[in-house]
Amino acid sequence: MLAGEIYSATDAQLLKELNETKDIIFQFNSLPPSATEERKKILYSLIGHIADDKAIVNQPFYCDYGKQISFGRRFFANFGLTILDEACVTIGDDCFIGPNVSIYTACHSTDPDERNSRQEWALPVTIGDSVWIGGSVTILPGVTIGSGTTIGAGSVVTKDIPDHVVAAGNPCRVVKKIQK
């Protein structure tokens, strides 16, 4: 799965890991917002790598495995972040994620017979440093978003976005370069 090869979405070990993660996510999302230390403890045990102790992830939060996710320094995610981390999701330093953002790595065939076989593959997602992802953005498998970039609310990011731009739309495209 992590190598980008075809795998079975109904593999017993993967389903076991998914359910274990769902239990942890349930605990995290069930805590009162004021239980900051307990929430932080659960989050830091779930996510594969968090660069410092300043990460903030507002509830609810959802992911498939957690261990394929890496948050850089001073990471912030608003309500409703969903990460399907069948492949690695790497997010740089000083990134801000708006509400209801979805990051997907899992891929399925467009051919119905192939899709119904439950065979899938996954492609990593990489987000650079100092990126702002607006609310209700969807980031598709295999995408890289460059450092210093802003993705406008409601965008669907289907292809790589370069450094230091504002990009928006469906499909997401560069609408402005940011002068450095």
N, C-alpha and C. Protein backbone atom coordinates (compact mmCIF):
# COMPACT_ATOMS: atom_id res chain seq x y z
N MET A 1 0.83 -1.19 0.00
CA MET A 1 0.00 0.00 0.00
C MET A 1 0.88 1.26 0.00
N LEU A 2 1.84 1.31 0.92
CA LEU A 2 2.70 2.49 1.03
C LEU A 2 3.65 2.63 -0.15
N ALA A 3 3.89 1.55 -0.87
CA ALA A 3 4.77 1.58 -2.05
C ALA A 3 4.03 2.01 -3.31
N GLY A 4 2.72 2.31 -3.18
CA GLY A 4 1.95 2.71 -4.34
C GLY A 4 1.47 1.55 -5.18
N GLU A 5 1.65 0.34 -4.68
CA GLU A 5 1.22 -0.84 -5.41
C GLU A 5 -0.25 -1.14 -5.13
N ILE A 6 -0.86 -1.92 -6.00
CA ILE A 6 -2.25 -2.32 -5.82
C ILE A 6 -2.37 -3.21 -4.58
N TYR A 7 -3.39 -2.95 -3.78
CA TYR A 7 -3.64 -3.73 -2.57
C TYR A 7 -5.14 -3.97 -2.45
N SER A 8 -5.49 -4.90 -1.58
CA SER A 8 -6.90 -5.20 -1.35
C SER A 8 -7.42 -4.36 -0.19
N ALA A 9 -8.47 -3.60 -0.46
CA ALA A 9 -9.09 -2.77 0.59
C ALA A 9 -9.81 -3.63 1.62
N THR A 10 -9.96 -4.93 1.35
CA THR A 10 -10.63 -5.82 2.30
C THR A 10 -9.64 -6.74 3.01
N ASP A 11 -8.35 -6.44 2.91
CA ASP A 11 -7.32 -7.21 3.61
C ASP A 11 -7.60 -7.20 5.11
N ALA A 12 -7.56 -8.37 5.74
CA ALA A 12 -7.93 -8.50 7.15
C ALA A 12 -7.05 -7.63 8.06
N GLN A 13 -5.76 -7.58 7.81
CA GLN A 13 -4.87 -6.78 8.65
C GLN A 13 -5.17 -5.29 8.51
N LEU A 14 -5.39 -4.84 7.27
CA LEU A 14 -5.72 -3.43 7.06
C LEU A 14 -7.04 -3.06 7.73
N LEU A 15 -8.03 -3.93 7.62
CA LEU A 15 -9.31 -3.66 8.27
C LEU A 15 -9.17 -3.61 9.79
N LYS A 16 -8.32 -4.46 10.34
CA LYS A 16 -8.07 -4.43 11.78
C LYS A 16 -7.44 -3.09 12.19
N GLU A 17 -6.45 -2.65 11.43
CA GLU A 17 -5.79 -1.38 11.73
C GLU A 17 -6.76 -0.20 11.58
N LEU A 18 -7.58 -0.23 10.54
CA LEU A 18 -8.58 0.83 10.35
C LEU A 18 -9.52 0.92 11.54
N ASN A 19 -10.00 -0.23 12.02
CA ASN A 19 -10.92 -0.23 13.15
C ASN A 19 -10.25 0.22 14.44
N GLU A 20 -8.99 -0.16 14.63
CA GLU A 20 -8.25 0.33 15.81
C GLU A 20 -8.12 1.85 15.77
N THR A 21 -7.83 2.38 14.59
CA THR A 21 -7.72 3.83 14.45
C THR A 21 -9.07 4.50 14.68
N LYS A 22 -10.14 3.92 14.17
CA LYS A 22 -11.48 4.48 14.39
C LYS A 22 -11.80 4.58 15.88
N ASP A 23 -11.38 3.57 16.65
CA ASP A 23 -11.61 3.62 18.09
C ASP A 23 -10.86 4.79 18.73
N ILE A 24 -9.62 5.00 18.31
CA ILE A 24 -8.82 6.10 18.85
C ILE A 24 -9.43 7.44 18.45
N ILE A 25 -9.85 7.55 17.19
CA ILE A 25 -10.48 8.78 16.69
C ILE A 25 -11.78 9.06 17.47
N PHE A 26 -12.54 8.01 17.74
CA PHE A 26 -13.76 8.16 18.52
C PHE A 26 -13.45 8.75 19.89
N GLN A 27 -12.41 8.24 20.55
CA GLN A 27 -12.00 8.77 21.85
C GLN A 27 -11.62 10.25 21.74
N PHE A 28 -10.81 10.57 20.73
CA PHE A 28 -10.36 11.95 20.54
C PHE A 28 -11.55 12.88 20.33
N ASN A 29 -12.44 12.51 19.43
CA ASN A 29 -13.58 13.36 19.09
C ASN A 29 -14.62 13.44 20.20
N SER A 30 -14.62 12.48 21.12
CA SER A 30 -15.59 12.47 22.22
C SER A 30 -15.17 13.32 23.42
N LEU A 31 -13.92 13.70 23.46
CA LEU A 31 -13.44 14.51 24.58
C LEU A 31 -13.97 15.93 24.50
N PRO A 32 -14.22 16.55 25.64
CA PRO A 32 -14.61 17.96 25.60
C PRO A 32 -13.45 18.82 25.10
N PRO A 33 -13.73 19.88 24.39
CA PRO A 33 -12.66 20.75 23.89
C PRO A 33 -11.72 21.26 24.98
N SER A 34 -12.22 21.38 26.20
CA SER A 34 -11.39 21.87 27.30
C SER A 34 -10.37 20.84 27.78
N ALA A 35 -10.49 19.58 27.37
CA ALA A 35 -9.55 18.53 27.77
C ALA A 35 -8.32 18.55 26.87
N THR A 36 -7.66 19.70 26.84
CA THR A 36 -6.57 19.90 25.87
C THR A 36 -5.42 18.93 26.04
N GLU A 37 -5.02 18.64 27.26
CA GLU A 37 -3.88 17.74 27.46
C GLU A 37 -4.22 16.31 27.06
N GLU A 38 -5.41 15.86 27.38
CA GLU A 38 -5.83 14.50 26.99
C GLU A 38 -5.97 14.40 25.47
N ARG A 39 -6.55 15.42 24.86
CA ARG A 39 -6.67 15.44 23.39
C ARG A 39 -5.28 15.39 22.75
N LYS A 40 -4.37 16.20 23.27
CA LYS A 40 -3.01 16.25 22.73
C LYS A 40 -2.32 14.89 22.86
N LYS A 41 -2.49 14.25 24.01
CA LYS A 41 -1.87 12.93 24.24
C LYS A 41 -2.37 11.92 23.20
N ILE A 42 -3.67 11.90 22.96
CA ILE A 42 -4.23 10.97 21.97
C ILE A 42 -3.71 11.31 20.57
N LEU A 43 -3.75 12.59 20.22
CA LEU A 43 -3.31 13.02 18.89
C LEU A 43 -1.85 12.63 18.64
N TYR A 44 -0.99 12.88 19.61
CA TYR A 44 0.43 12.61 19.43
C TYR A 44 0.73 11.11 19.40
N SER A 45 -0.14 10.30 19.99
CA SER A 45 0.04 8.84 19.89
C SER A 45 -0.48 8.30 18.56
N LEU A 46 -1.40 9.02 17.94
CA LEU A 46 -2.04 8.57 16.70
C LEU A 46 -1.25 8.95 15.45
N ILE A 47 -0.79 10.20 15.39
CA ILE A 47 -0.14 10.72 14.19
C ILE A 47 1.30 10.23 14.13
N GLY A 48 1.74 9.82 12.95
CA GLY A 48 3.08 9.27 12.78
C GLY A 48 4.20 10.20 13.21
N HIS A 49 4.08 11.49 12.85
CA HIS A 49 5.12 12.46 13.22
C HIS A 49 4.49 13.83 13.40
N ILE A 50 4.78 14.45 14.54
CA ILE A 50 4.40 15.83 14.80
C ILE A 50 5.67 16.52 15.27
N ALA A 51 6.08 17.58 14.57
CA ALA A 51 7.40 18.18 14.75
C ALA A 51 7.59 18.89 16.09
N ASP A 52 6.53 19.37 16.72
CA ASP A 52 6.69 20.06 18.00
C ASP A 52 5.43 19.89 18.84
N ASP A 53 5.39 20.52 19.99
CA ASP A 53 4.24 20.36 20.88
C ASP A 53 3.19 21.44 20.68
N LYS A 54 3.23 22.13 19.55
CA LYS A 54 2.31 23.23 19.30
C LYS A 54 1.20 22.91 18.30
N ALA A 55 1.11 21.65 17.88
CA ALA A 55 0.07 21.26 16.92
C ALA A 55 -1.31 21.39 17.54
N ILE A 56 -2.23 21.96 16.77
CA ILE A 56 -3.62 22.07 17.20
C ILE A 56 -4.50 21.45 16.10
N VAL A 57 -5.31 20.50 16.50
CA VAL A 57 -6.27 19.88 15.59
C VAL A 57 -7.63 19.93 16.28
N ASN A 58 -8.50 20.77 15.75
CA ASN A 58 -9.83 20.90 16.32
C ASN A 58 -10.69 19.69 15.96
N GLN A 59 -11.60 19.36 16.85
CA GLN A 59 -12.52 18.26 16.64
C GLN A 59 -13.70 18.72 15.81
N PRO A 60 -14.31 17.85 15.01
CA PRO A 60 -13.90 16.48 14.80
C PRO A 60 -12.74 16.39 13.81
N PHE A 61 -12.00 15.32 13.95
CA PHE A 61 -10.88 14.98 13.07
C PHE A 61 -11.04 13.52 12.69
N TYR A 62 -10.72 13.21 11.44
CA TYR A 62 -10.82 11.83 10.97
C TYR A 62 -9.59 11.48 10.14
N CYS A 63 -9.13 10.24 10.29
CA CYS A 63 -8.09 9.70 9.41
C CYS A 63 -8.27 8.20 9.33
N ASP A 64 -7.57 7.57 8.39
CA ASP A 64 -7.68 6.12 8.25
C ASP A 64 -6.70 5.38 9.15
N TYR A 65 -5.43 5.78 9.15
CA TYR A 65 -4.41 5.08 9.93
C TYR A 65 -3.69 6.01 10.91
N GLY A 66 -3.43 7.23 10.51
CA GLY A 66 -2.73 8.19 11.36
C GLY A 66 -1.23 8.10 11.26
N LYS A 67 -0.70 6.90 11.20
CA LYS A 67 0.76 6.73 11.24
C LYS A 67 1.46 7.16 9.96
N GLN A 68 0.71 7.34 8.87
CA GLN A 68 1.31 7.82 7.62
C GLN A 68 1.23 9.34 7.49
N ILE A 69 0.84 10.04 8.57
CA ILE A 69 0.67 11.49 8.55
C ILE A 69 1.84 12.15 9.28
N SER A 70 2.34 13.24 8.70
CA SER A 70 3.40 14.03 9.32
C SER A 70 2.99 15.49 9.33
N PHE A 71 2.98 16.10 10.53
CA PHE A 71 2.69 17.52 10.70
C PHE A 71 3.98 18.25 11.04
N GLY A 72 4.25 19.35 10.35
CA GLY A 72 5.39 20.19 10.66
C GLY A 72 5.15 21.03 11.90
N ARG A 73 6.10 21.91 12.18
CA ARG A 73 6.01 22.79 13.36
C ARG A 73 4.83 23.75 13.24
N ARG A 74 4.21 24.01 14.38
CA ARG A 74 3.12 24.99 14.51
C ARG A 74 1.94 24.69 13.56
N PHE A 75 1.59 23.43 13.46
CA PHE A 75 0.48 23.00 12.59
C PHE A 75 -0.85 23.37 13.23
N PHE A 76 -1.79 23.85 12.40
CA PHE A 76 -3.15 24.14 12.87
C PHE A 76 -4.16 23.61 11.88
N ALA A 77 -5.15 22.87 12.40
CA ALA A 77 -6.26 22.39 11.58
C ALA A 77 -7.57 22.76 12.26
N ASN A 78 -8.46 23.37 11.51
CA ASN A 78 -9.78 23.72 12.02
C ASN A 78 -10.68 22.49 12.01
N PHE A 79 -11.95 22.67 12.33
CA PHE A 79 -12.91 21.59 12.47
C PHE A 79 -13.07 20.79 11.17
N GLY A 80 -13.23 19.48 11.32
CA GLY A 80 -13.64 18.64 10.20
C GLY A 80 -12.55 18.21 9.25
N LEU A 81 -11.27 18.21 9.68
CA LEU A 81 -10.20 17.73 8.80
C LEU A 81 -10.33 16.21 8.64
N THR A 82 -10.30 15.75 7.39
CA THR A 82 -10.32 14.32 7.07
C THR A 82 -9.11 14.00 6.23
N ILE A 83 -8.31 13.02 6.67
CA ILE A 83 -7.13 12.59 5.93
C ILE A 83 -7.22 11.08 5.71
N LEU A 84 -7.34 10.68 4.46
CA LEU A 84 -7.29 9.25 4.12
C LEU A 84 -5.85 8.93 3.79
N ASP A 85 -5.13 8.42 4.78
CA ASP A 85 -3.68 8.25 4.69
C ASP A 85 -3.26 6.82 4.36
N GLU A 86 -3.75 6.32 3.24
CA GLU A 86 -3.25 5.03 2.75
C GLU A 86 -1.82 5.17 2.22
N ALA A 87 -1.44 6.35 1.82
CA ALA A 87 -0.05 6.70 1.49
C ALA A 87 0.34 7.84 2.42
N CYS A 88 1.59 8.24 2.38
CA CYS A 88 2.07 9.30 3.26
C CYS A 88 1.44 10.65 2.92
N VAL A 89 1.09 11.38 3.98
CA VAL A 89 0.63 12.76 3.87
C VAL A 89 1.61 13.58 4.71
N THR A 90 2.37 14.43 4.03
CA THR A 90 3.39 15.23 4.68
C THR A 90 3.00 16.69 4.58
N ILE A 91 2.87 17.35 5.74
CA ILE A 91 2.47 18.75 5.81
C ILE A 91 3.58 19.51 6.51
N GLY A 92 4.05 20.58 5.88
CA GLY A 92 5.20 21.33 6.38
C GLY A 92 4.92 22.20 7.58
N ASP A 93 5.89 23.05 7.90
CA ASP A 93 5.81 23.96 9.04
C ASP A 93 4.84 25.11 8.75
N ASP A 94 4.23 25.62 9.81
CA ASP A 94 3.39 26.82 9.75
C ASP A 94 2.24 26.71 8.74
N CYS A 95 1.62 25.55 8.70
CA CYS A 95 0.48 25.36 7.80
C CYS A 95 -0.83 25.53 8.57
N PHE A 96 -1.78 26.15 7.88
CA PHE A 96 -3.11 26.40 8.43
C PHE A 96 -4.12 25.70 7.52
N ILE A 97 -4.94 24.87 8.13
CA ILE A 97 -5.95 24.11 7.39
C ILE A 97 -7.32 24.62 7.83
N GLY A 98 -8.12 25.09 6.89
CA GLY A 98 -9.46 25.59 7.18
C GLY A 98 -10.43 24.47 7.53
N PRO A 99 -11.67 24.83 7.87
CA PRO A 99 -12.65 23.82 8.24
C PRO A 99 -13.07 22.94 7.06
N ASN A 100 -13.37 21.70 7.38
CA ASN A 100 -13.94 20.73 6.43
C ASN A 100 -13.04 20.47 5.22
N VAL A 101 -11.75 20.39 5.45
CA VAL A 101 -10.78 20.06 4.40
C VAL A 101 -10.62 18.54 4.35
N SER A 102 -10.51 18.01 3.12
CA SER A 102 -10.31 16.57 2.91
C SER A 102 -9.04 16.35 2.09
N ILE A 103 -8.21 15.44 2.57
CA ILE A 103 -6.96 15.07 1.88
C ILE A 103 -7.04 13.57 1.63
N TYR A 104 -6.99 13.20 0.35
CA TYR A 104 -7.17 11.80 -0.03
C TYR A 104 -5.89 11.26 -0.68
N THR A 105 -5.51 10.03 -0.30
CA THR A 105 -4.41 9.35 -0.99
C THR A 105 -4.88 8.09 -1.70
N ALA A 106 -6.02 7.55 -1.32
CA ALA A 106 -6.52 6.30 -1.91
C ALA A 106 -7.07 6.54 -3.31
N CYS A 107 -6.76 5.62 -4.21
CA CYS A 107 -7.20 5.70 -5.61
C CYS A 107 -7.99 4.44 -5.97
N HIS A 108 -8.99 4.64 -6.81
CA HIS A 108 -9.83 3.53 -7.28
C HIS A 108 -9.94 3.61 -8.79
N SER A 109 -10.09 2.47 -9.40
CA SER A 109 -10.28 2.41 -10.85
C SER A 109 -11.60 3.07 -11.25
N THR A 110 -11.62 3.67 -12.42
CA THR A 110 -12.87 4.19 -12.96
C THR A 110 -13.67 3.08 -13.66
N ASP A 111 -13.03 1.95 -13.91
CA ASP A 111 -13.71 0.80 -14.48
C ASP A 111 -14.52 0.11 -13.36
N PRO A 112 -15.85 -0.02 -13.54
CA PRO A 112 -16.67 -0.57 -12.46
C PRO A 112 -16.27 -1.98 -12.01
N ASP A 113 -15.91 -2.87 -12.96
CA ASP A 113 -15.53 -4.23 -12.57
C ASP A 113 -14.26 -4.22 -11.74
N GLU A 114 -13.27 -3.44 -12.16
CA GLU A 114 -12.03 -3.33 -11.38
C GLU A 114 -12.30 -2.71 -10.01
N ARG A 115 -13.10 -1.65 -9.97
CA ARG A 115 -13.41 -0.98 -8.71
C ARG A 115 -14.13 -1.93 -7.76
N ASN A 116 -15.07 -2.72 -8.29
CA ASN A 116 -15.83 -3.64 -7.46
C ASN A 116 -15.01 -4.79 -6.91
N SER A 117 -13.80 -4.99 -7.44
CA SER A 117 -12.91 -6.02 -6.92
C SER A 117 -12.27 -5.60 -5.60
N ARG A 118 -12.45 -4.31 -5.23
CA ARG A 118 -11.89 -3.72 -4.01
C ARG A 118 -10.37 -3.61 -4.05
N GLN A 119 -9.83 -3.64 -5.26
CA GLN A 119 -8.41 -3.39 -5.42
C GLN A 119 -8.21 -1.88 -5.57
N GLU A 120 -7.24 -1.34 -4.86
CA GLU A 120 -6.95 0.09 -4.96
C GLU A 120 -5.46 0.31 -4.83
N TRP A 121 -5.05 1.53 -4.98
CA TRP A 121 -3.66 1.92 -4.79
C TRP A 121 -3.68 3.30 -4.14
N ALA A 122 -2.52 3.77 -3.72
CA ALA A 122 -2.47 5.06 -3.03
C ALA A 122 -1.27 5.86 -3.51
N LEU A 123 -1.45 7.18 -3.54
CA LEU A 123 -0.39 8.11 -3.93
C LEU A 123 -0.22 9.16 -2.84
N PRO A 124 1.02 9.51 -2.48
CA PRO A 124 1.25 10.45 -1.39
C PRO A 124 0.81 11.87 -1.73
N VAL A 125 0.55 12.65 -0.67
CA VAL A 125 0.24 14.07 -0.77
C VAL A 125 1.29 14.82 0.04
N THR A 126 1.83 15.89 -0.55
CA THR A 126 2.83 16.70 0.13
C THR A 126 2.39 18.16 0.09
N ILE A 127 2.42 18.80 1.26
CA ILE A 127 2.09 20.21 1.38
C ILE A 127 3.31 20.90 1.98
N GLY A 128 3.81 21.93 1.32
CA GLY A 128 5.02 22.63 1.75
C GLY A 128 4.83 23.45 3.01
N ASP A 129 5.81 24.29 3.31
CA ASP A 129 5.77 25.16 4.48
C ASP A 129 4.92 26.40 4.21
N SER A 130 4.37 26.95 5.27
CA SER A 130 3.63 28.23 5.22
C SER A 130 2.50 28.21 4.19
N VAL A 131 1.74 27.14 4.20
CA VAL A 131 0.61 26.98 3.28
C VAL A 131 -0.69 27.20 4.05
N TRP A 132 -1.62 27.89 3.41
CA TRP A 132 -2.96 28.07 3.96
C TRP A 132 -3.92 27.37 3.00
N ILE A 133 -4.65 26.40 3.55
CA ILE A 133 -5.67 25.67 2.80
C ILE A 133 -7.02 26.19 3.29
N GLY A 134 -7.78 26.84 2.41
CA GLY A 134 -9.08 27.40 2.79
C GLY A 134 -10.11 26.33 3.09
N GLY A 135 -11.22 26.74 3.64
CA GLY A 135 -12.27 25.82 4.03
C GLY A 135 -12.85 25.03 2.88
N SER A 136 -13.23 23.80 3.17
CA SER A 136 -13.91 22.89 2.23
C SER A 136 -13.10 22.60 0.97
N VAL A 137 -11.78 22.59 1.11
CA VAL A 137 -10.90 22.21 0.00
C VAL A 137 -10.77 20.69 -0.01
N THR A 138 -10.69 20.11 -1.21
CA THR A 138 -10.42 18.70 -1.39
C THR A 138 -9.10 18.57 -2.15
N ILE A 139 -8.18 17.78 -1.58
CA ILE A 139 -6.87 17.55 -2.18
C ILE A 139 -6.81 16.08 -2.58
N LEU A 140 -6.58 15.84 -3.88
CA LEU A 140 -6.63 14.48 -4.42
C LEU A 140 -5.27 13.79 -4.36
N PRO A 141 -5.25 12.46 -4.54
CA PRO A 141 -4.03 11.68 -4.42
C PRO A 141 -2.92 12.16 -5.37
N GLY A 142 -1.68 12.10 -4.86
CA GLY A 142 -0.51 12.39 -5.67
C GLY A 142 -0.16 13.86 -5.80
N VAL A 143 -0.90 14.75 -5.16
CA VAL A 143 -0.71 16.19 -5.32
C VAL A 143 0.39 16.70 -4.40
N THR A 144 1.16 17.66 -4.91
CA THR A 144 2.11 18.43 -4.11
C THR A 144 1.71 19.89 -4.19
N ILE A 145 1.61 20.54 -3.03
CA ILE A 145 1.31 21.97 -2.95
C ILE A 145 2.57 22.65 -2.45
N GLY A 146 3.05 23.63 -3.20
CA GLY A 146 4.31 24.30 -2.89
C GLY A 146 4.23 25.21 -1.67
N SER A 147 5.39 25.55 -1.14
CA SER A 147 5.50 26.41 0.03
C SER A 147 5.01 27.82 -0.27
N GLY A 148 4.49 28.47 0.77
CA GLY A 148 4.04 29.85 0.65
C GLY A 148 2.78 30.04 -0.16
N THR A 149 2.05 28.98 -0.39
CA THR A 149 0.88 29.01 -1.26
C THR A 149 -0.41 29.07 -0.45
N THR A 150 -1.43 29.70 -1.04
CA THR A 150 -2.77 29.73 -0.48
C THR A 150 -3.71 29.03 -1.46
N ILE A 151 -4.52 28.12 -0.94
CA ILE A 151 -5.52 27.43 -1.75
C ILE A 151 -6.89 27.98 -1.32
N GLY A 152 -7.61 28.57 -2.27
CA GLY A 152 -8.90 29.20 -1.98
C GLY A 152 -9.97 28.22 -1.55
N ALA A 153 -10.87 28.71 -0.72
CA ALA A 153 -11.96 27.90 -0.18
C ALA A 153 -12.75 27.22 -1.30
N GLY A 154 -13.12 25.97 -1.04
CA GLY A 154 -13.95 25.21 -1.97
C GLY A 154 -13.21 24.62 -3.16
N SER A 155 -11.91 24.79 -3.23
CA SER A 155 -11.15 24.29 -4.38
C SER A 155 -11.03 22.77 -4.35
N VAL A 156 -10.85 22.19 -5.54
CA VAL A 156 -10.54 20.78 -5.69
C VAL A 156 -9.17 20.72 -6.37
N VAL A 157 -8.17 20.30 -5.60
CA VAL A 157 -6.78 20.30 -6.07
C VAL A 157 -6.50 18.94 -6.72
N THR A 158 -6.41 18.95 -8.06
CA THR A 158 -6.24 17.72 -8.82
C THR A 158 -4.82 17.54 -9.33
N LYS A 159 -4.04 18.64 -9.34
CA LYS A 159 -2.66 18.61 -9.87
C LYS A 159 -1.77 19.45 -8.96
N ASP A 160 -0.46 19.27 -9.13
CA ASP A 160 0.50 20.02 -8.32
C ASP A 160 0.30 21.52 -8.48
N ILE A 161 0.53 22.24 -7.37
CA ILE A 161 0.45 23.69 -7.33
C ILE A 161 1.83 24.20 -6.91
N PRO A 162 2.40 25.19 -7.62
CA PRO A 162 3.77 25.63 -7.32
C PRO A 162 3.86 26.47 -6.04
N ASP A 163 5.09 26.82 -5.68
CA ASP A 163 5.37 27.70 -4.55
C ASP A 163 4.84 29.10 -4.80
N HIS A 164 4.47 29.77 -3.71
CA HIS A 164 4.18 31.21 -3.67
C HIS A 164 3.15 31.67 -4.69
N VAL A 165 2.00 31.00 -4.65
CA VAL A 165 0.88 31.41 -5.50
C VAL A 165 -0.41 31.35 -4.70
N VAL A 166 -1.42 31.99 -5.23
CA VAL A 166 -2.80 31.79 -4.78
C VAL A 166 -3.45 30.95 -5.88
N ALA A 167 -4.08 29.86 -5.48
CA ALA A 167 -4.74 28.99 -6.44
C ALA A 167 -6.15 28.70 -5.94
N ALA A 168 -7.09 28.59 -6.87
CA ALA A 168 -8.48 28.36 -6.48
C ALA A 168 -9.24 27.73 -7.63
N GLY A 169 -10.40 27.18 -7.30
CA GLY A 169 -11.31 26.68 -8.32
C GLY A 169 -11.43 25.18 -8.35
N ASN A 170 -12.28 24.73 -9.30
CA ASN A 170 -12.49 23.32 -9.53
C ASN A 170 -12.48 23.07 -11.02
N PRO A 171 -11.35 22.57 -11.55
CA PRO A 171 -10.14 22.18 -10.82
C PRO A 171 -9.34 23.41 -10.39
N CYS A 172 -8.58 23.23 -9.31
CA CYS A 172 -7.78 24.32 -8.76
C CYS A 172 -6.70 24.73 -9.76
N ARG A 173 -6.55 26.04 -9.92
CA ARG A 173 -5.52 26.57 -10.83
C ARG A 173 -4.95 27.85 -10.23
N VAL A 174 -3.77 28.20 -10.65
CA VAL A 174 -3.11 29.41 -10.16
C VAL A 174 -3.87 30.62 -10.65
N VAL A 175 -4.21 31.53 -9.72
CA VAL A 175 -4.90 32.77 -10.09
C VAL A 175 -4.02 33.99 -9.82
N LYS A 176 -2.95 33.82 -9.05
CA LYS A 176 -2.11 34.96 -8.72
C LYS A 176 -0.76 34.45 -8.20
N LYS A 177 0.31 35.12 -8.61
CA LYS A 177 1.63 34.84 -8.04
C LYS A 177 1.86 35.77 -6.87
N ILE A 178 2.49 35.26 -5.84
CA ILE A 178 2.80 36.07 -4.66
C ILE A 178 4.24 36.54 -4.79
N GLN A 179 4.44 37.84 -4.78
CA GLN A 179 5.79 38.42 -4.89
C GLN A 179 6.52 38.22 -3.58
N LYS A 180 7.73 37.72 -3.67
CA LYS A 180 8.56 37.50 -2.48
C LYS A 180 9.64 38.54 -2.40
